[in-house]
Amino acid sequence: MLPLHIGSDHPLGMAVLILLAFGPFLLAGAVVFVVRRRDTAAEQQELNASGDGRGAR
């Protein structure tokens, strides 16, 4: 249903609205993905540096 009390929206305006509505969530998801991947790589590097992966005991 098209709300006619404000008129039809321009396609560029609709794209900007969608970007503003969902952009922050997409950016936050990307940041979480990159940080988790970096942490996992650092953890793997620590395990590999400690020898056989079980650590020094």
PDB file of N, CA and C in Angstrom:
ATOM      1  N   MET A   1       0.847  -1.175   0.000  1.00  0.00           N
ATOM      2  CA  MET A   1       0.000   0.000   0.000  1.00  0.00           C
ATOM      3  C   MET A   1       0.893   1.239   0.000  1.00  0.00           C
ATOM      4  N   LEU A   2       0.591   2.173  -0.869  1.00  0.00           N
ATOM      5  CA  LEU A   2       1.369   3.398  -1.012  1.00  0.00           C
ATOM      6  C   LEU A   2       0.725   4.505  -0.179  1.00  0.00           C
ATOM      7  N   PRO A   3       1.447   5.031   0.803  1.00  0.00           N
ATOM      8  CA  PRO A   3       0.866   6.127   1.583  1.00  0.00           C
ATOM      9  C   PRO A   3       0.816   7.399   0.739  1.00  0.00           C
ATOM     10  N   LEU A   4      -0.344   7.784   0.307  1.00  0.00           N
ATOM     11  CA  LEU A   4      -0.489   8.910  -0.613  1.00  0.00           C
ATOM     12  C   LEU A   4      -0.459  10.259   0.090  1.00  0.00           C
ATOM     13  N   HIS A   5      -0.499  10.285   1.411  1.00  0.00           N
ATOM     14  CA  HIS A   5      -0.487  11.568   2.090  1.00  0.00           C
ATOM     15  C   HIS A   5       0.864  12.268   1.983  1.00  0.00           C
ATOM     16  N   ILE A   6       1.921  11.548   1.645  1.00  0.00           N
ATOM     17  CA  ILE A   6       3.217  12.188   1.414  1.00  0.00           C
ATOM     18  C   ILE A   6       3.631  12.095  -0.051  1.00  0.00           C
ATOM     19  N   GLY A   7       2.835  11.480  -0.867  1.00  0.00           N
ATOM     20  CA  GLY A   7       3.145  11.350  -2.282  1.00  0.00           C
ATOM     21  C   GLY A   7       4.051  10.164  -2.543  1.00  0.00           C
ATOM     22  N   SER A   8       4.244   9.876  -3.800  1.00  0.00           N
ATOM     23  CA  SER A   8       5.114   8.754  -4.150  1.00  0.00           C
ATOM     24  C   SER A   8       6.567   9.183  -3.975  1.00  0.00           C
ATOM     25  N   ASP A   9       7.389   8.232  -3.597  1.00  0.00           N
ATOM     26  CA  ASP A   9       8.783   8.521  -3.317  1.00  0.00           C
ATOM     27  C   ASP A   9       9.612   8.355  -4.575  1.00  0.00           C
ATOM     28  N   HIS A  10      10.617   9.193  -4.715  1.00  0.00           N
ATOM     29  CA  HIS A  10      11.543   9.100  -5.833  1.00  0.00           C
ATOM     30  C   HIS A  10      12.415   7.858  -5.624  1.00  0.00           C
ATOM     31  N   PRO A  11      12.776   7.139  -6.684  1.00  0.00           N
ATOM     32  CA  PRO A  11      13.589   5.919  -6.522  1.00  0.00           C
ATOM     33  C   PRO A  11      14.910   6.170  -5.793  1.00  0.00           C
ATOM     34  N   LEU A  12      15.552   7.289  -6.043  1.00  0.00           N
ATOM     35  CA  LEU A  12      16.805   7.590  -5.354  1.00  0.00           C
ATOM     36  C   LEU A  12      16.543   7.830  -3.865  1.00  0.00           C
ATOM     37  N   GLY A  13      15.457   8.492  -3.556  1.00  0.00           N
ATOM     38  CA  GLY A  13      15.101   8.714  -2.158  1.00  0.00           C
ATOM     39  C   GLY A  13      14.813   7.410  -1.443  1.00  0.00           C
ATOM     40  N   MET A  14      14.175   6.489  -2.132  1.00  0.00           N
ATOM     41  CA  MET A  14      13.882   5.179  -1.550  1.00  0.00           C
ATOM     42  C   MET A  14      15.179   4.404  -1.303  1.00  0.00           C
ATOM     43  N   ALA A  15      16.130   4.492  -2.226  1.00  0.00           N
ATOM     44  CA  ALA A  15      17.417   3.820  -2.055  1.00  0.00           C
ATOM     45  C   ALA A  15      18.169   4.395  -0.858  1.00  0.00           C
ATOM     46  N   VAL A  16      18.143   5.708  -0.704  1.00  0.00           N
ATOM     47  CA  VAL A  16      18.808   6.343   0.433  1.00  0.00           C
ATOM     48  C   VAL A  16      18.140   5.925   1.735  1.00  0.00           C
ATOM     49  N   LEU A  17      16.827   5.863   1.733  1.00  0.00           N
ATOM     50  CA  LEU A  17      16.095   5.448   2.925  1.00  0.00           C
ATOM     51  C   LEU A  17      16.454   4.018   3.327  1.00  0.00           C
ATOM     52  N   ILE A  18      16.518   3.122   2.369  1.00  0.00           N
ATOM     53  CA  ILE A  18      16.872   1.734   2.650  1.00  0.00           C
ATOM     54  C   ILE A  18      18.314   1.643   3.150  1.00  0.00           C
ATOM     55  N   LEU A  19      19.204   2.422   2.535  1.00  0.00           N
ATOM     56  CA  LEU A  19      20.603   2.434   2.971  1.00  0.00           C
ATOM     57  C   LEU A  19      20.726   2.939   4.404  1.00  0.00           C
ATOM     58  N   LEU A  20      19.998   3.975   4.739  1.00  0.00           N
ATOM     59  CA  LEU A  20      20.043   4.508   6.098  1.00  0.00           C
ATOM     60  C   LEU A  20      19.395   3.561   7.100  1.00  0.00           C
ATOM     61  N   ALA A  21      18.400   2.809   6.658  1.00  0.00           N
ATOM     62  CA  ALA A  21      17.701   1.899   7.560  1.00  0.00           C
ATOM     63  C   ALA A  21      18.517   0.642   7.838  1.00  0.00           C
ATOM     64  N   PHE A  22      19.149   0.084   6.827  1.00  0.00           N
ATOM     65  CA  PHE A  22      19.835  -1.198   6.983  1.00  0.00           C
ATOM     66  C   PHE A  22      21.353  -1.089   6.991  1.00  0.00           C
ATOM     67  N   GLY A  23      21.907   0.025   6.573  1.00  0.00           N
ATOM     68  CA  GLY A  23      23.350   0.203   6.503  1.00  0.00           C
ATOM     69  C   GLY A  23      24.074  -0.018   7.812  1.00  0.00           C
ATOM     70  N   PRO A  24      23.603   0.580   8.913  1.00  0.00           N
ATOM     71  CA  PRO A  24      24.310   0.366  10.186  1.00  0.00           C
ATOM     72  C   PRO A  24      24.362  -1.094  10.612  1.00  0.00           C
ATOM     73  N   PHE A  25      23.307  -1.849  10.357  1.00  0.00           N
ATOM     74  CA  PHE A  25      23.294  -3.263  10.719  1.00  0.00           C
ATOM     75  C   PHE A  25      24.261  -4.056   9.852  1.00  0.00           C
ATOM     76  N   LEU A  26      24.321  -3.736   8.567  1.00  0.00           N
ATOM     77  CA  LEU A  26      25.266  -4.413   7.680  1.00  0.00           C
ATOM     78  C   LEU A  26      26.707  -4.087   8.065  1.00  0.00           C
ATOM     79  N   LEU A  27      26.962  -2.838   8.414  1.00  0.00           N
ATOM     80  CA  LEU A  27      28.303  -2.437   8.837  1.00  0.00           C
ATOM     81  C   LEU A  27      28.692  -3.135  10.137  1.00  0.00           C
ATOM     82  N   ALA A  28      27.788  -3.198  11.083  1.00  0.00           N
ATOM     83  CA  ALA A  28      28.082  -3.877  12.356  1.00  0.00           C
ATOM     84  C   ALA A  28      28.357  -5.361  12.126  1.00  0.00           C
ATOM     85  N   GLY A  29      27.588  -5.992  11.260  1.00  0.00           N
ATOM     86  CA  GLY A  29      27.815  -7.399  10.948  1.00  0.00           C
ATOM     87  C   GLY A  29      29.171  -7.622  10.297  1.00  0.00           C
ATOM     88  N   ALA A  30      29.565  -6.726   9.416  1.00  0.00           N
ATOM     89  CA  ALA A  30      30.870  -6.851   8.763  1.00  0.00           C
ATOM     90  C   ALA A  30      32.001  -6.690   9.771  1.00  0.00           C
ATOM     91  N   VAL A  31      31.847  -5.752  10.702  1.00  0.00           N
ATOM     92  CA  VAL A  31      32.879  -5.544  11.722  1.00  0.00           C
ATOM     93  C   VAL A  31      33.007  -6.783  12.603  1.00  0.00           C
ATOM     94  N   VAL A  32      31.894  -7.354  13.027  1.00  0.00           N
ATOM     95  CA  VAL A  32      31.930  -8.554  13.858  1.00  0.00           C
ATOM     96  C   VAL A  32      32.606  -9.696  13.104  1.00  0.00           C
ATOM     97  N   PHE A  33      32.291  -9.858  11.837  1.00  0.00           N
ATOM     98  CA  PHE A  33      32.884 -10.920  11.021  1.00  0.00           C
ATOM     99  C   PHE A  33      34.399 -10.758  10.932  1.00  0.00           C
ATOM    100  N   VAL A  34      34.861  -9.549  10.649  1.00  0.00           N
ATOM    101  CA  VAL A  34      36.297  -9.310  10.480  1.00  0.00           C
ATOM    102  C   VAL A  34      37.042  -9.498  11.799  1.00  0.00           C
ATOM    103  N   VAL A  35      36.480  -8.998  12.893  1.00  0.00           N
ATOM    104  CA  VAL A  35      37.161  -9.121  14.184  1.00  0.00           C
ATOM    105  C   VAL A  35      37.216 -10.577  14.625  1.00  0.00           C
ATOM    106  N   ARG A  36      36.144 -11.326  14.424  1.00  0.00           N
ATOM    107  CA  ARG A  36      36.169 -12.752  14.788  1.00  0.00           C
ATOM    108  C   ARG A  36      37.186 -13.515  13.961  1.00  0.00           C
ATOM    109  N   ARG A  37      37.257 -13.197  12.679  1.00  0.00           N
ATOM    110  CA  ARG A  37      38.226 -13.880  11.811  1.00  0.00           C
ATOM    111  C   ARG A  37      39.651 -13.559  12.242  1.00  0.00           C
ATOM    112  N   ARG A  38      39.898 -12.300  12.605  1.00  0.00           N
ATOM    113  CA  ARG A  38      41.232 -11.900  13.054  1.00  0.00           C
ATOM    114  C   ARG A  38      41.590 -12.586  14.377  1.00  0.00           C
ATOM    115  N   ASP A  39      40.638 -12.664  15.301  1.00  0.00           N
ATOM    116  CA  ASP A  39      40.885 -13.328  16.579  1.00  0.00           C
ATOM    117  C   ASP A  39      41.154 -14.820  16.395  1.00  0.00           C
ATOM    118  N   THR A  40      40.409 -15.456  15.505  1.00  0.00           N
ATOM    119  CA  THR A  40      40.614 -16.874  15.239  1.00  0.00           C
ATOM    120  C   THR A  40      41.995 -17.117  14.634  1.00  0.00           C
ATOM    121  N   ALA A  41      42.412 -16.237  13.731  1.00  0.00           N
ATOM    122  CA  ALA A  41      43.730 -16.383  13.119  1.00  0.00           C
ATOM    123  C   ALA A  41      44.830 -16.200  14.163  1.00  0.00           C
ATOM    124  N   ALA A  42      44.654 -15.241  15.070  1.00  0.00           N
ATOM    125  CA  ALA A  42      45.656 -15.024  16.114  1.00  0.00           C
ATOM    126  C   ALA A  42      45.717 -16.221  17.060  1.00  0.00           C
ATOM    127  N   GLU A  43      44.580 -16.786  17.379  1.00  0.00           N
ATOM    128  CA  GLU A  43      44.541 -17.964  18.252  1.00  0.00           C
ATOM    129  C   GLU A  43      45.221 -19.153  17.585  1.00  0.00           C
ATOM    130  N   GLN A  44      44.968 -19.353  16.305  1.00  0.00           N
ATOM    131  CA  GLN A  44      45.618 -20.440  15.579  1.00  0.00           C
ATOM    132  C   GLN A  44      47.128 -20.239  15.530  1.00  0.00           C
ATOM    133  N   GLN A  45      47.539 -19.000  15.359  1.00  0.00           N
ATOM    134  CA  GLN A  45      48.965 -18.706  15.309  1.00  0.00           C
ATOM    135  C   GLN A  45      49.615 -19.003  16.664  1.00  0.00           C
ATOM    136  N   GLU A  46      48.934 -18.679  17.749  1.00  0.00           N
ATOM    137  CA  GLU A  46      49.444 -18.998  19.083  1.00  0.00           C
ATOM    138  C   GLU A  46      49.579 -20.507  19.276  1.00  0.00           C
ATOM    139  N   LEU A  47      48.564 -21.248  18.845  1.00  0.00           N
ATOM    140  CA  LEU A  47      48.599 -22.705  18.989  1.00  0.00           C
ATOM    141  C   LEU A  47      49.731 -23.315  18.169  1.00  0.00           C
ATOM    142  N   ASN A  48      49.944 -22.804  16.971  1.00  0.00           N
ATOM    143  CA  ASN A  48      51.010 -23.322  16.124  1.00  0.00           C
ATOM    144  C   ASN A  48      52.386 -22.982  16.699  1.00  0.00           C
ATOM    145  N   ALA A  49      52.509 -21.836  17.343  1.00  0.00           N
ATOM    146  CA  ALA A  49      53.788 -21.430  17.905  1.00  0.00           C
ATOM    147  C   ALA A  49      54.133 -22.233  19.151  1.00  0.00           C
ATOM    148  N   SER A  50      53.118 -22.785  19.826  1.00  0.00           N
ATOM    149  CA  SER A  50      53.376 -23.500  21.064  1.00  0.00           C
ATOM    150  C   SER A  50      53.757 -24.965  20.814  1.00  0.00           C
ATOM    151  N   GLY A  51      53.824 -25.375  19.621  1.00  0.00           N
ATOM    152  CA  GLY A  51      54.272 -26.744  19.325  1.00  0.00           C
ATOM    153  C   GLY A  51      53.191 -27.569  18.692  1.00  0.00           C
ATOM    154  N   ASP A  52      52.742 -28.589  19.423  1.00  0.00           N
ATOM    155  CA  ASP A  52      51.810 -29.547  18.817  1.00  0.00           C
ATOM    156  C   ASP A  52      50.350 -29.141  18.964  1.00  0.00           C
ATOM    157  N   GLY A  53      50.083 -27.940  19.430  1.00  0.00           N
ATOM    158  CA  GLY A  53      48.703 -27.478  19.523  1.00  0.00           C
ATOM    159  C   GLY A  53      48.074 -27.700  20.877  1.00  0.00           C
ATOM    160  N   ARG A  54      48.783 -28.434  21.783  1.00  0.00           N
ATOM    161  CA  ARG A  54      48.235 -28.679  23.110  1.00  0.00           C
ATOM    162  C   ARG A  54      48.827 -27.737  24.143  1.00  0.00           C
ATOM    163  N   GLY A  55      49.822 -26.974  23.754  1.00  0.00           N
ATOM    164  CA  GLY A  55      50.454 -26.058  24.688  1.00  0.00           C
ATOM    165  C   GLY A  55      51.530 -26.731  25.501  1.00  0.00           C
ATOM    166  N   ALA A  56      52.364 -25.946  26.150  1.00  0.00           N
ATOM    167  CA  ALA A  56      53.448 -26.489  26.981  1.00  0.00           C
ATOM    168  C   ALA A  56      52.902 -26.791  28.370  1.00  0.00           C
ATOM    169  N   ARG A  57      53.105 -28.041  28.806  1.00  0.00           N
ATOM    170  CA  ARG A  57      52.617 -28.442  30.134  1.00  0.00           C
ATOM    171  C   ARG A  57      53.719 -29.043  30.931  1.00  0.00           C
TER     172      ARG A  57
END
